[in-house]
Amino acid sequence: MNDLRMRLRIVAGGGVLVMAMGGLAARLTYLQLGPHEDIRAAIARSREIRCTIPAARGSIMDCRGKENILAASVTVWNVCASPDDVIAEGNADRVADALAPILGVRPEEIMSKLHRPGSRYAVLKKHVQDETAEAVRKLGLKGVFLEESSIRSYPNGASLCHVVGFVNYEGQGGAGVELAFDKYLKGMPGYLGASVDAKRDRLYSEDDTFIAPVPGADVVLTVDQNIQHMVERALDQVMDEHNAKGAWAIVQRVRTGEILAMASRPAFDLNRFFMADMNAMTNRCIGIVYEPGSTFKAIAISAALNERTVTPETVFDCENGAWMYKGRVLRDYHAYSHLSVAEGVKKSSNILTAKVSLTLGEERFYRYLKSFGIGQPTGIELSGEESGILAPPEKWCSYGITRIAIGQGVAVTALQLIGVYCAIANDGFMMRPYLVKKVVAPSGAVIMENHPRVVGRPISFQTASVMKRLLSGVTEEGGTGAKASLDGYEVAGKTGSAQKPVPGGYSTTAYVASFVGFLPCDEPEIAIIVVIDEPQPYHTGGVVAAPAFKRIAGDIVKYLDIPPDSCRLASAGL
């Protein structure tokens, strides 16, 4: 009986074992041969790499091209490790101690990145130079490897910072030309799809997919770095001499609209853009609007001459320095009894200019303001350009025309205002300002190119000729801009000393001093505007901005080899 029971138990146990083995075999067969597309796909994915290959970013250059690179991508290296491999070898402490002095970090920092079980990738130090990378390579540490990368380098630091701009941490343009032309500069990334073994080492085969990246295009500016340096040096000097809150300047070719220099202070180092505050990052040439004061008078005078409501010889009563109009008093800096239009421009009479504007009327004067580009962006190839402030006539107060004529109740950017003077210098033709000459592909093909373009003609050739004569008088002896005069050259321009608006009126201590002009008078080549924000203790454009204009102009005429000339119109007398 016991033998029978034993046999039954053996048979039953054997049956259970057979069934279990059969079930296991069936399960294994199912796992191996069943329709497990998701599992197979996961395994396949674990045995392949798919990655984007970044494209080399194009360079930014000044007008001389590759002779002067303003922004370029530089190859650097990331020091990386496979924590699993390092830990498996038991070398974590040795790796940390060996790398720490080379990478300039504490061993503990490296150890914290290595102690990550299950991880096969960790960045120990980003963006090291070739020398450091070579030192790491020579160590031959198992599980440690180098990964090629790139960073944006700006050789000139803070120079031209507001024009060039910078690239952010995501590799995208964050400001200036870097932002505006990002689509050209960044190129097209490549692609790699390949198989790897269990250690993630690449297995080369004919099935690999490789699409080479297309490098970005180069952007060539109209800006001349040498002229930019002259302008920046002059701004630094005037900031120091007059304890100014800010300063900005533009140099533009009269006949073409090309920007040769655009500088703003305060500035910041492009290589350390992340440390700059918003105040330093503002491009004041296009991003700050200000009441222009007397530099704006050229528009009212030009419009009246063009409409023939006045002539240079027309005389106005300047009321001995105080004129009551519509219940408001308008004053001149100096008291005058009677002045001709020519004398009023030279002496910068508020009263004369206001009375000239009344000969035009609101609607006609407004049309000229618009035709000179006031209240509208110029379209320069940079983000952040302000439109300025110009209300339509129906919103002007009863005496508004007399204040707008002298640069109050209206706001402009420096780029808008230099455009007005370029139009006068260019026989009445307004040119579109631009600072990008061309975009060049890696092959050398020109993708995009700017050319001089006329955008309007607010005044006639005759009016422009007369205005050049009148504005040249400003820099002669007795004129408000005498400190802008340059030996051997006839300089035409205008000073501005504008009180800054404050709630309820205008400040008696905060001013914007400026000078804008062009030379040589008879055949103008360059125009320059200099704006100084809150200079102390002197605040007039003739004392503060005109000397800075002279320094810049004096350097430029030598550099560009502009021959001395006398303005035929000025020498003819009034």
Protein backbone atom coordinates (compact mmCIF):
# COMPACT_ATOMS: atom_id res chain seq x y z
CA MET A 1 0.00 0.00 0.00
CA ASN A 2 2.80 2.26 0.84
CA ASP A 3 4.57 1.38 -2.40
CA LEU A 4 1.42 2.24 -4.36
CA ARG A 5 1.03 5.55 -2.59
CA MET A 6 4.65 6.33 -3.24
CA ARG A 7 4.29 5.56 -6.93
CA LEU A 8 1.19 7.77 -7.14
CA ARG A 9 3.04 10.64 -5.52
CA ILE A 10 5.95 10.23 -7.90
CA VAL A 11 3.61 10.12 -10.89
CA ALA A 12 1.69 13.16 -9.65
CA GLY A 13 4.89 15.08 -8.94
CA GLY A 14 6.26 14.14 -12.31
CA GLY A 15 3.05 15.23 -13.97
CA VAL A 16 3.16 18.59 -12.21
CA LEU A 17 6.80 19.01 -13.20
CA VAL A 18 6.05 18.15 -16.81
CA MET A 19 3.14 20.59 -16.85
CA ALA A 20 5.30 23.31 -15.32
CA MET A 21 8.08 22.69 -17.79
CA GLY A 22 5.58 22.65 -20.60
CA GLY A 23 4.07 25.94 -19.44
CA LEU A 24 7.50 27.48 -19.13
CA ALA A 25 8.43 26.29 -22.58
CA ALA A 26 5.20 27.67 -23.98
CA ARG A 27 5.85 31.00 -22.28
CA LEU A 28 9.38 31.18 -23.60
CA THR A 29 8.15 30.27 -27.07
CA TYR A 30 5.54 33.02 -26.84
CA LEU A 31 8.07 35.56 -25.65
CA GLN A 32 10.48 34.66 -28.43
CA LEU A 33 8.07 34.17 -31.30
CA GLY A 34 4.97 36.06 -30.26
CA PRO A 35 3.89 39.43 -31.80
CA HIS A 36 5.76 41.67 -29.29
CA GLU A 37 6.43 44.63 -31.55
CA ASP A 38 6.69 47.07 -28.65
CA ILE A 39 9.33 44.95 -26.89
CA ARG A 40 11.28 44.42 -30.08
CA ALA A 41 11.13 48.13 -30.79
CA ALA A 42 12.40 48.95 -27.30
CA ILE A 43 15.29 46.51 -27.68
CA ALA A 44 16.09 47.93 -31.11
CA ARG A 45 16.05 51.46 -29.73
CA SER A 46 18.45 50.47 -26.98
CA ARG A 47 20.87 49.25 -29.64
CA GLU A 48 20.90 52.43 -31.73
CA ILE A 49 21.74 56.10 -31.43
CA ARG A 50 19.84 58.91 -33.01
CA CYS A 51 21.23 62.38 -32.49
CA THR A 52 21.20 65.84 -33.99
CA ILE A 53 24.54 67.22 -35.10
CA PRO A 54 24.71 70.97 -34.44
CA ALA A 55 25.75 73.24 -37.28
CA ALA A 56 28.62 75.68 -36.96
CA ARG A 57 27.22 79.18 -36.50
CA GLY A 58 28.26 81.80 -39.04
CA SER A 59 30.50 84.74 -38.16
CA ILE A 60 29.67 88.43 -37.90
CA MET A 61 32.20 90.78 -39.49
CA ASP A 62 32.68 94.49 -39.96
CA CYS A 63 32.77 96.13 -43.40
CA ARG A 64 36.21 94.66 -44.15
CA GLY A 65 34.94 91.10 -43.93
CA LYS A 66 37.22 88.36 -42.63
CA GLU A 67 39.89 90.90 -41.76
CA ASN A 68 37.86 91.89 -38.71
CA ILE A 69 35.61 89.24 -37.17
CA LEU A 70 33.28 90.57 -34.48
CA ALA A 71 31.62 87.27 -33.50
CA ALA A 72 32.66 83.68 -34.17
CA SER A 73 32.06 80.17 -32.87
CA VAL A 74 35.04 78.56 -31.14
CA THR A 75 35.48 74.81 -30.63
CA VAL A 76 35.59 73.75 -26.98
CA TRP A 77 35.19 70.45 -25.16
CA ASN A 78 32.91 68.98 -22.53
CA VAL A 79 34.64 66.58 -20.13
CA CYS A 80 32.21 63.70 -19.67
CA ALA A 81 32.10 60.30 -17.96
CA SER A 82 30.12 57.09 -17.85
CA PRO A 83 29.42 56.71 -14.10
CA ASP A 84 28.57 52.99 -14.50
CA ASP A 85 31.94 52.25 -16.12
CA VAL A 86 33.89 54.29 -13.59
CA ILE A 87 32.11 52.66 -10.63
CA ALA A 88 32.49 49.19 -12.15
CA GLU A 89 36.25 49.68 -12.24
CA GLY A 90 36.26 50.98 -8.67
CA ASN A 91 38.12 54.08 -9.84
CA ALA A 92 35.75 56.87 -8.77
CA ASP A 93 38.11 58.28 -6.12
CA ARG A 94 41.16 58.08 -8.40
CA VAL A 95 39.27 59.69 -11.31
CA ALA A 96 38.04 62.55 -9.11
CA ASP A 97 41.48 63.20 -7.63
CA ALA A 98 43.15 63.13 -11.07
CA LEU A 99 40.66 65.43 -12.79
CA ALA A 100 40.05 67.98 -10.03
CA PRO A 101 43.28 70.01 -10.44
CA ILE A 102 43.04 69.94 -14.24
CA LEU A 103 39.41 71.09 -14.31
CA GLY A 104 39.83 73.55 -11.44
CA VAL A 105 37.08 72.05 -9.28
CA ARG A 106 36.95 70.20 -5.97
CA PRO A 107 37.14 66.35 -6.05
CA GLU A 108 33.84 66.25 -4.16
CA GLU A 109 32.06 67.94 -7.05
CA ILE A 110 33.29 65.29 -9.47
CA MET A 111 32.43 62.47 -7.06
CA SER A 112 28.85 63.73 -6.74
CA LYS A 113 28.46 63.43 -10.52
CA LEU A 114 30.06 59.99 -10.68
CA HIS A 115 27.94 58.37 -7.96
CA ARG A 116 24.89 57.88 -10.15
CA PRO A 117 24.24 54.14 -10.49
CA GLY A 118 22.62 53.20 -13.79
CA SER A 119 23.84 56.33 -15.55
CA ARG A 120 26.12 56.13 -18.57
CA TYR A 121 26.51 59.86 -19.16
CA ALA A 122 27.49 62.77 -16.94
CA VAL A 123 29.12 66.10 -17.76
CA LEU A 124 31.97 66.80 -15.35
CA LYS A 125 33.00 70.19 -16.82
CA LYS A 126 31.59 72.12 -19.78
CA HIS A 127 33.43 74.23 -22.32
CA VAL A 128 37.10 73.60 -21.57
CA GLN A 129 39.81 74.77 -23.96
CA ASP A 130 42.09 72.56 -26.08
CA GLU A 131 44.92 72.57 -23.53
CA THR A 132 42.67 71.27 -20.77
CA ALA A 133 41.09 68.70 -23.07
CA GLU A 134 44.51 67.40 -24.08
CA ALA A 135 45.56 67.07 -20.42
CA VAL A 136 42.41 65.02 -19.73
CA ARG A 137 43.03 62.87 -22.79
CA LYS A 138 46.59 62.06 -21.70
CA LEU A 139 45.32 60.65 -18.38
CA GLY A 140 43.65 57.79 -20.24
CA LEU A 141 41.02 57.31 -17.53
CA LYS A 142 38.59 54.48 -18.29
CA GLY A 143 35.01 55.74 -18.48
CA VAL A 144 36.09 59.36 -19.04
CA PHE A 145 35.72 60.90 -22.50
CA LEU A 146 35.62 64.25 -24.32
CA GLU A 147 32.64 65.66 -26.19
CA GLU A 148 33.14 68.36 -28.81
CA SER A 149 31.10 71.52 -28.37
CA SER A 150 31.28 75.22 -29.30
CA ILE A 151 30.77 78.60 -27.71
CA ARG A 152 30.31 82.08 -29.14
CA SER A 153 33.34 84.31 -28.85
CA TYR A 154 33.39 88.10 -29.14
CA PRO A 155 37.02 89.22 -29.60
CA ASN A 156 36.25 92.90 -28.99
CA GLY A 157 34.37 92.40 -25.73
CA ALA A 158 32.09 95.40 -25.16
CA SER A 159 32.83 97.13 -28.46
CA LEU A 160 29.77 97.21 -30.73
CA CYS A 161 27.90 95.18 -28.11
CA HIS A 162 24.50 96.72 -28.84
CA VAL A 163 24.81 96.09 -32.58
CA VAL A 164 26.38 92.63 -32.61
CA GLY A 165 24.27 91.20 -29.77
CA PHE A 166 24.83 87.78 -28.21
CA VAL A 167 23.81 84.11 -28.37
CA ASN A 168 21.91 82.73 -25.36
CA TYR A 169 22.44 79.40 -23.59
CA GLU A 170 20.07 77.65 -26.00
CA GLY A 171 22.28 78.63 -28.91
CA GLN A 172 19.80 81.19 -30.22
CA GLY A 173 20.42 84.85 -30.97
CA GLY A 174 19.42 86.92 -27.96
CA ALA A 175 19.95 90.50 -29.15
CA GLY A 176 21.34 92.67 -31.95
CA VAL A 177 22.40 91.15 -35.25
CA GLU A 178 22.71 87.75 -33.56
CA LEU A 179 18.95 87.86 -33.03
CA ALA A 180 17.84 89.69 -36.17
CA PHE A 181 19.84 87.40 -38.49
CA ASP A 182 19.61 84.21 -36.44
CA LYS A 183 17.96 82.28 -39.28
CA TYR A 184 21.00 82.90 -41.48
CA LEU A 185 23.67 82.51 -38.81
CA LYS A 186 22.52 79.29 -37.19
CA GLY A 187 22.68 77.05 -40.29
CA MET A 188 20.92 73.67 -40.49
CA PRO A 189 21.70 70.85 -38.03
CA GLY A 190 22.72 67.39 -39.29
CA TYR A 191 21.54 63.94 -38.21
CA LEU A 192 23.17 60.63 -37.22
CA GLY A 193 21.38 57.28 -36.89
CA ALA A 194 23.60 54.24 -36.16
CA SER A 195 23.75 50.94 -34.27
CA VAL A 196 25.69 50.45 -31.03
CA ASP A 197 26.76 47.45 -28.97
CA ALA A 198 25.92 46.75 -25.34
CA LYS A 199 28.65 49.22 -24.27
CA ARG A 200 27.11 51.94 -26.46
CA ASP A 201 30.09 51.88 -28.82
CA ARG A 202 29.12 52.64 -32.41
CA LEU A 203 28.89 49.74 -34.87
CA TYR A 204 29.61 51.09 -38.34
CA SER A 205 27.45 49.65 -41.09
CA GLU A 206 25.94 50.52 -44.45
CA ASP A 207 22.56 51.03 -42.76
CA ASP A 208 23.82 54.06 -40.84
CA THR A 209 22.06 57.34 -41.59
CA PHE A 210 24.21 60.43 -41.72
CA ILE A 211 23.15 63.89 -42.84
CA ALA A 212 25.94 66.44 -42.61
CA PRO A 213 25.11 69.76 -40.94
CA VAL A 214 25.08 72.89 -43.08
CA PRO A 215 27.17 75.68 -41.52
CA GLY A 216 25.54 79.04 -40.97
CA ALA A 217 26.10 82.03 -43.24
CA ASP A 218 28.35 84.97 -42.40
CA VAL A 219 26.91 88.44 -41.85
CA VAL A 220 28.98 91.40 -43.06
CA LEU A 221 28.13 94.78 -41.52
CA THR A 222 28.47 98.29 -42.91
CA VAL A 223 30.06 99.27 -39.61
CA ASP A 224 33.77 100.05 -39.62
CA GLN A 225 35.36 98.84 -36.38
CA ASN A 226 37.98 101.60 -36.51
CA ILE A 227 35.35 104.34 -36.73
CA GLN A 228 33.36 102.55 -34.03
CA HIS A 229 36.41 102.72 -31.78
CA MET A 230 36.76 106.47 -32.43
CA VAL A 231 33.14 107.02 -31.46
CA GLU A 232 33.28 104.85 -28.35
CA ARG A 233 36.45 106.58 -27.18
CA ALA A 234 34.79 109.98 -27.55
CA LEU A 235 31.69 108.83 -25.66
CA ASP A 236 33.78 107.42 -22.81
CA GLN A 237 35.60 110.72 -22.59
CA VAL A 238 32.45 112.84 -22.51
CA MET A 239 30.85 110.50 -19.96
CA ASP A 240 33.87 110.97 -17.72
CA GLU A 241 34.21 114.72 -18.25
CA HIS A 242 30.55 115.55 -17.64
CA ASN A 243 29.43 112.83 -15.20
CA ALA A 244 26.69 111.87 -17.64
CA LYS A 245 24.00 109.28 -17.02
CA GLY A 246 24.35 107.96 -20.58
CA ALA A 247 25.61 108.82 -24.05
CA TRP A 248 25.07 107.58 -27.57
CA ALA A 249 26.20 108.42 -31.09
CA ILE A 250 25.77 107.37 -34.73
CA VAL A 251 27.90 107.93 -37.82
CA GLN A 252 26.09 107.54 -41.15
CA ARG A 253 27.08 107.91 -44.79
CA VAL A 254 24.98 110.73 -46.19
CA ARG A 255 24.58 109.45 -49.73
CA THR A 256 23.90 105.78 -48.99
CA GLY A 257 22.38 105.46 -45.53
CA GLU A 258 25.11 103.04 -44.39
CA ILE A 259 25.75 103.07 -40.65
CA LEU A 260 29.49 103.35 -40.05
CA ALA A 261 29.26 103.39 -36.26
CA MET A 262 26.56 103.03 -33.62
CA ALA A 263 27.60 103.27 -30.00
CA SER A 264 25.78 103.50 -26.69
CA ARG A 265 26.91 104.00 -23.12
CA PRO A 266 26.77 102.31 -20.67
CA ALA A 267 27.89 99.12 -22.41
CA PHE A 268 28.57 95.49 -21.47
CA ASP A 269 30.98 92.67 -22.34
CA LEU A 270 29.36 90.32 -24.85
CA ASN A 271 31.38 87.41 -23.48
CA ARG A 272 29.69 87.98 -20.10
CA PHE A 273 26.27 89.15 -21.25
CA PHE A 274 24.64 87.23 -18.40
CA MET A 275 26.19 89.68 -15.92
CA ALA A 276 24.82 92.83 -17.60
CA ASP A 277 21.77 94.72 -16.36
CA MET A 278 19.00 95.93 -18.64
CA ASN A 279 20.22 99.53 -18.45
CA ALA A 280 23.55 98.58 -20.00
CA MET A 281 21.93 96.31 -22.59
CA THR A 282 19.69 99.04 -24.03
CA ASN A 283 20.73 100.32 -27.44
CA ARG A 284 20.00 103.99 -26.84
CA CYS A 285 20.48 104.90 -30.50
CA ILE A 286 17.21 103.17 -31.38
CA GLY A 287 15.65 102.11 -28.08
CA ILE A 288 15.47 105.44 -26.23
CA VAL A 289 13.21 108.31 -27.28
CA TYR A 290 13.92 111.81 -26.05
CA GLU A 291 12.71 115.35 -26.67
CA PRO A 292 15.28 116.67 -29.16
CA GLY A 293 15.10 120.35 -28.33
CA SER A 294 16.71 122.78 -30.77
CA THR A 295 18.13 120.10 -33.10
CA PHE A 296 14.52 119.65 -34.18
CA LYS A 297 14.24 123.24 -35.44
CA ALA A 298 15.73 122.26 -38.79
CA ILE A 299 12.43 120.61 -39.75
CA ALA A 300 10.27 123.70 -39.22
CA ILE A 301 12.78 125.95 -41.00
CA SER A 302 13.16 123.49 -43.90
CA ALA A 303 9.41 123.13 -44.30
CA ALA A 304 8.80 126.89 -44.32
CA LEU A 305 11.59 127.47 -46.84
CA ASN A 306 10.26 124.66 -49.01
CA GLU A 307 6.74 126.14 -48.88
CA ARG A 308 8.18 129.62 -49.45
CA THR A 309 6.39 131.06 -46.46
CA VAL A 310 9.78 132.52 -45.42
CA THR A 311 13.20 133.18 -46.89
CA PRO A 312 16.57 133.33 -45.12
CA GLU A 313 16.24 137.10 -45.07
CA THR A 314 12.74 137.20 -43.56
CA VAL A 315 12.89 139.11 -40.26
CA PHE A 316 10.85 138.25 -37.17
CA ASP A 317 10.30 140.19 -33.97
CA CYS A 318 11.88 138.08 -31.22
CA GLU A 319 10.16 140.08 -28.50
CA ASN A 320 13.33 140.75 -26.52
CA GLY A 321 13.43 137.19 -25.25
CA ALA A 322 9.84 136.62 -24.01
CA TRP A 323 6.78 136.08 -26.18
CA MET A 324 3.23 135.52 -24.97
CA TYR A 325 1.22 133.22 -27.25
CA LYS A 326 -2.12 131.59 -26.43
CA GLY A 327 -1.67 132.44 -22.77
CA ARG A 328 1.80 130.86 -22.54
CA VAL A 329 5.19 132.53 -22.45
CA LEU A 330 7.96 131.25 -24.71
CA ARG A 331 11.48 132.42 -23.88
CA ASP A 332 14.82 132.55 -25.66
CA TYR A 333 18.08 131.68 -23.93
CA HIS A 334 19.33 135.13 -24.92
CA ALA A 335 17.13 138.16 -25.56
CA TYR A 336 16.92 139.39 -29.17
CA SER A 337 14.84 142.16 -30.67
CA HIS A 338 14.71 141.28 -34.36
CA LEU A 339 16.40 138.42 -36.21
CA SER A 340 16.34 137.15 -39.77
CA VAL A 341 15.66 133.45 -40.31
CA ALA A 342 19.36 132.90 -41.01
CA GLU A 343 20.33 134.67 -37.80
CA GLY A 344 17.64 132.82 -35.86
CA VAL A 345 19.05 129.46 -36.90
CA LYS A 346 22.58 130.54 -35.98
CA LYS A 347 21.47 131.88 -32.59
CA SER A 348 18.93 129.06 -32.05
CA SER A 349 16.02 131.38 -31.30
CA ASN A 350 12.96 129.57 -29.93
CA ILE A 351 10.68 132.51 -30.62
CA LEU A 352 11.74 132.91 -34.25
CA THR A 353 11.34 129.18 -34.94
CA ALA A 354 7.91 129.13 -33.30
CA LYS A 355 6.76 132.06 -35.42
CA VAL A 356 8.14 130.37 -38.55
CA SER A 357 6.06 127.28 -37.78
CA LEU A 358 2.91 129.41 -37.57
CA THR A 359 3.44 130.46 -41.19
CA LEU A 360 2.94 126.80 -42.12
CA GLY A 361 -0.12 125.93 -40.06
CA GLU A 362 -0.68 122.70 -38.16
CA GLU A 363 -1.69 120.36 -41.00
CA ARG A 364 1.08 121.39 -43.34
CA PHE A 365 3.72 121.28 -40.62
CA TYR A 366 2.49 117.81 -39.57
CA ARG A 367 2.85 116.52 -43.14
CA TYR A 368 6.48 117.60 -43.18
CA LEU A 369 7.13 115.96 -39.82
CA LYS A 370 5.77 112.69 -41.21
CA SER A 371 7.70 113.03 -44.47
CA PHE A 372 10.90 113.42 -42.45
CA GLY A 373 10.13 110.12 -40.71
CA ILE A 374 9.13 111.49 -37.31
CA GLY A 375 6.86 109.18 -35.30
CA GLN A 376 7.68 106.05 -37.30
CA PRO A 377 10.46 103.44 -37.15
CA THR A 378 13.22 103.62 -39.73
CA GLY A 379 13.20 99.86 -40.28
CA ILE A 380 16.82 99.35 -39.21
CA GLU A 381 17.75 95.65 -39.03
CA LEU A 382 17.68 95.46 -35.23
CA SER A 383 14.94 94.60 -32.77
CA GLY A 384 13.89 97.10 -30.13
CA GLU A 385 13.57 100.15 -32.36
CA GLU A 386 11.15 102.72 -30.96
CA SER A 387 8.78 104.69 -33.19
CA GLY A 388 9.10 107.96 -31.35
CA ILE A 389 6.17 110.12 -30.28
CA LEU A 390 4.23 112.40 -32.59
CA ALA A 391 0.57 113.14 -31.93
CA PRO A 392 -1.73 114.16 -34.81
CA PRO A 393 -2.70 117.86 -35.03
CA GLU A 394 -6.18 117.29 -33.60
CA LYS A 395 -4.52 116.31 -30.33
CA TRP A 396 -2.21 119.32 -30.18
CA CYS A 397 -3.02 122.00 -27.64
CA SER A 398 -3.69 125.54 -28.84
CA TYR A 399 -0.01 126.49 -28.67
CA GLY A 400 1.31 123.00 -29.50
CA ILE A 401 2.70 123.85 -32.93
CA THR A 402 5.01 126.48 -31.42
CA ARG A 403 6.44 123.94 -28.96
CA ILE A 404 6.79 121.02 -31.36
CA ALA A 405 8.72 123.31 -33.72
CA ILE A 406 11.41 123.77 -31.07
CA GLY A 407 11.53 120.07 -30.14
CA GLN A 408 9.14 119.94 -27.19
CA GLY A 409 6.05 117.72 -27.00
CA VAL A 410 7.61 115.34 -29.52
CA ALA A 411 10.10 112.50 -29.03
CA VAL A 412 12.57 110.93 -31.44
CA THR A 413 15.33 108.37 -31.58
CA ALA A 414 18.83 109.42 -32.53
CA LEU A 415 18.55 107.33 -35.70
CA GLN A 416 15.41 109.22 -36.77
CA LEU A 417 17.00 112.60 -36.18
CA ILE A 418 20.26 111.89 -37.99
CA GLY A 419 18.07 110.79 -40.91
CA VAL A 420 16.57 114.30 -41.04
CA TYR A 421 20.02 115.87 -41.33
CA CYS A 422 21.17 113.29 -43.86
CA ALA A 423 18.18 114.25 -46.02
CA ILE A 424 19.18 117.91 -45.87
CA ALA A 425 22.79 117.01 -46.69
CA ASN A 426 21.68 114.69 -49.51
CA ASP A 427 19.84 117.33 -51.54
CA GLY A 428 16.52 116.49 -49.92
CA PHE A 429 16.60 112.72 -50.49
CA MET A 430 15.94 110.50 -47.47
CA MET A 431 17.85 107.21 -47.51
CA ARG A 432 16.90 104.05 -45.67
CA PRO A 433 19.48 103.49 -42.93
CA TYR A 434 21.06 100.05 -42.84
CA LEU A 435 23.94 98.36 -41.02
CA VAL A 436 24.08 94.93 -42.70
CA LYS A 437 25.93 94.98 -46.01
CA LYS A 438 25.37 91.35 -47.02
CA VAL A 439 24.89 87.76 -45.90
CA VAL A 440 27.34 85.25 -47.40
CA ALA A 441 26.85 81.47 -47.51
CA PRO A 442 29.79 79.12 -46.71
CA SER A 443 30.11 78.53 -50.45
CA GLY A 444 30.71 82.22 -51.00
CA ALA A 445 27.31 82.87 -52.58
CA VAL A 446 25.64 86.10 -51.50
CA ILE A 447 22.27 85.18 -49.97
CA MET A 448 21.12 88.70 -49.17
CA GLU A 449 22.59 92.11 -49.93
CA ASN A 450 21.49 95.61 -49.03
CA HIS A 451 21.80 98.55 -51.38
CA PRO A 452 21.12 102.27 -50.92
CA ARG A 453 17.42 102.98 -51.23
CA VAL A 454 15.58 106.30 -51.34
CA VAL A 455 12.54 106.31 -49.06
CA GLY A 456 11.33 109.87 -49.64
CA ARG A 457 12.15 113.43 -50.57
CA PRO A 458 10.63 115.86 -48.06
CA ILE A 459 12.37 118.97 -49.45
CA SER A 460 13.69 120.15 -52.80
CA PHE A 461 17.28 120.49 -53.92
CA GLN A 462 17.02 124.28 -53.61
CA THR A 463 15.70 124.11 -50.05
CA ALA A 464 18.37 121.62 -49.03
CA SER A 465 21.06 123.90 -50.46
CA VAL A 466 19.78 126.86 -48.46
CA MET A 467 19.51 124.76 -45.29
CA LYS A 468 23.11 123.62 -45.64
CA ARG A 469 24.12 127.26 -45.79
CA LEU A 470 22.06 128.16 -42.72
CA LEU A 471 23.27 125.19 -40.68
CA SER A 472 26.90 125.92 -41.51
CA GLY A 473 26.44 129.26 -39.79
CA VAL A 474 25.73 127.47 -36.51
CA THR A 475 29.37 126.33 -36.25
CA GLU A 476 30.81 129.72 -37.18
CA GLU A 477 31.94 132.28 -34.63
CA GLY A 478 28.90 133.53 -32.75
CA GLY A 479 26.89 130.40 -33.47
CA THR A 480 25.72 128.01 -30.74
CA GLY A 481 27.77 125.16 -32.24
CA ALA A 482 31.10 126.96 -32.65
CA LYS A 483 32.85 124.24 -30.60
CA ALA A 484 31.95 121.73 -33.35
CA SER A 485 33.94 123.61 -35.98
CA LEU A 486 36.82 121.73 -37.58
CA ASP A 487 39.86 123.40 -39.12
CA GLY A 488 39.80 123.12 -42.89
CA TYR A 489 36.23 121.87 -43.05
CA GLU A 490 32.87 123.60 -43.24
CA VAL A 491 30.66 121.86 -40.69
CA ALA A 492 26.87 122.19 -40.83
CA GLY A 493 24.78 121.21 -37.84
CA LYS A 494 22.67 122.16 -34.87
CA THR A 495 22.92 122.12 -31.10
CA GLY A 496 20.23 120.89 -28.74
CA SER A 497 19.77 121.52 -25.01
CA ALA A 498 16.45 119.97 -24.01
CA GLN A 499 14.98 119.96 -20.53
CA LYS A 500 13.74 116.49 -19.63
CA PRO A 501 10.00 116.24 -19.09
CA VAL A 502 8.82 115.48 -15.55
CA PRO A 503 5.32 115.23 -14.09
CA GLY A 504 3.74 118.66 -14.34
CA GLY A 505 6.30 120.22 -16.65
CA TYR A 506 10.03 120.17 -17.31
CA SER A 507 13.02 119.57 -15.06
CA THR A 508 15.26 122.51 -14.21
CA THR A 509 18.26 120.26 -13.52
CA ALA A 510 18.06 117.31 -15.93
CA TYR A 511 18.89 117.96 -19.58
CA VAL A 512 19.67 116.09 -22.78
CA ALA A 513 22.52 117.78 -24.64
CA SER A 514 23.08 116.98 -28.30
CA PHE A 515 24.69 117.98 -31.55
CA VAL A 516 23.91 116.64 -35.00
CA GLY A 517 25.59 117.70 -38.20
CA PHE A 518 27.42 116.77 -41.39
CA LEU A 519 30.54 117.60 -43.37
CA PRO A 520 32.02 118.80 -45.67
CA CYS A 521 29.25 121.30 -46.22
CA ASP A 522 29.27 121.55 -50.01
CA GLU A 523 29.74 117.81 -50.69
CA PRO A 524 28.63 116.09 -47.48
CA GLU A 525 29.95 112.57 -46.92
CA ILE A 526 29.23 111.76 -43.29
CA ALA A 527 26.66 112.78 -40.69
CA ILE A 528 27.20 112.42 -36.95
CA ILE A 529 24.84 112.70 -34.01
CA VAL A 530 25.98 112.82 -30.39
CA VAL A 531 23.49 112.71 -27.50
CA ILE A 532 24.45 113.10 -23.82
CA ASP A 533 21.93 112.24 -21.10
CA GLU A 534 21.97 114.42 -17.97
CA PRO A 535 25.49 115.89 -18.14
CA GLN A 536 26.67 117.78 -15.05
CA PRO A 537 27.23 120.58 -14.29
CA TYR A 538 27.18 121.99 -17.85
CA HIS A 539 24.20 120.88 -19.89
CA THR A 540 24.10 122.72 -23.21
CA GLY A 541 24.69 120.97 -26.51
CA GLY A 542 27.20 123.60 -27.56
CA VAL A 543 29.39 123.01 -24.50
CA VAL A 544 28.91 119.26 -23.95
CA ALA A 545 28.02 117.53 -27.25
CA ALA A 546 29.64 119.80 -29.86
CA PRO A 547 33.24 119.11 -28.69
CA ALA A 548 32.54 115.35 -28.79
CA PHE A 549 31.23 115.77 -32.35
CA LYS A 550 34.43 117.62 -33.24
CA ARG A 551 36.65 114.86 -31.83
CA ILE A 552 34.78 112.18 -33.74
CA ALA A 553 34.67 114.16 -36.98
CA GLY A 554 38.35 115.06 -36.74
CA ASP A 555 39.36 111.41 -36.43
CA ILE A 556 37.05 110.25 -39.21
CA VAL A 557 38.10 112.77 -41.88
CA LYS A 558 41.70 111.64 -41.40
CA TYR A 559 40.81 107.96 -41.43
CA LEU A 560 38.55 108.19 -44.51
CA ASP A 561 40.91 110.70 -46.14
CA ILE A 562 38.11 113.21 -46.72
CA PRO A 563 39.77 116.28 -48.28
CA PRO A 564 39.24 119.69 -46.67
CA ASP A 565 36.70 121.83 -48.42
CA SER A 566 34.95 125.16 -48.03
CA CYS A 567 31.22 125.36 -48.40
CA ARG A 568 30.59 127.44 -51.48
CA LEU A 569 27.18 128.42 -50.19
CA ALA A 570 28.58 129.66 -46.88
CA SER A 571 31.44 131.54 -48.53
CA ALA A 572 28.96 133.36 -50.75
CA GLY A 573 27.56 135.13 -47.70
CA LEU A 574 23.95 135.68 -46.70
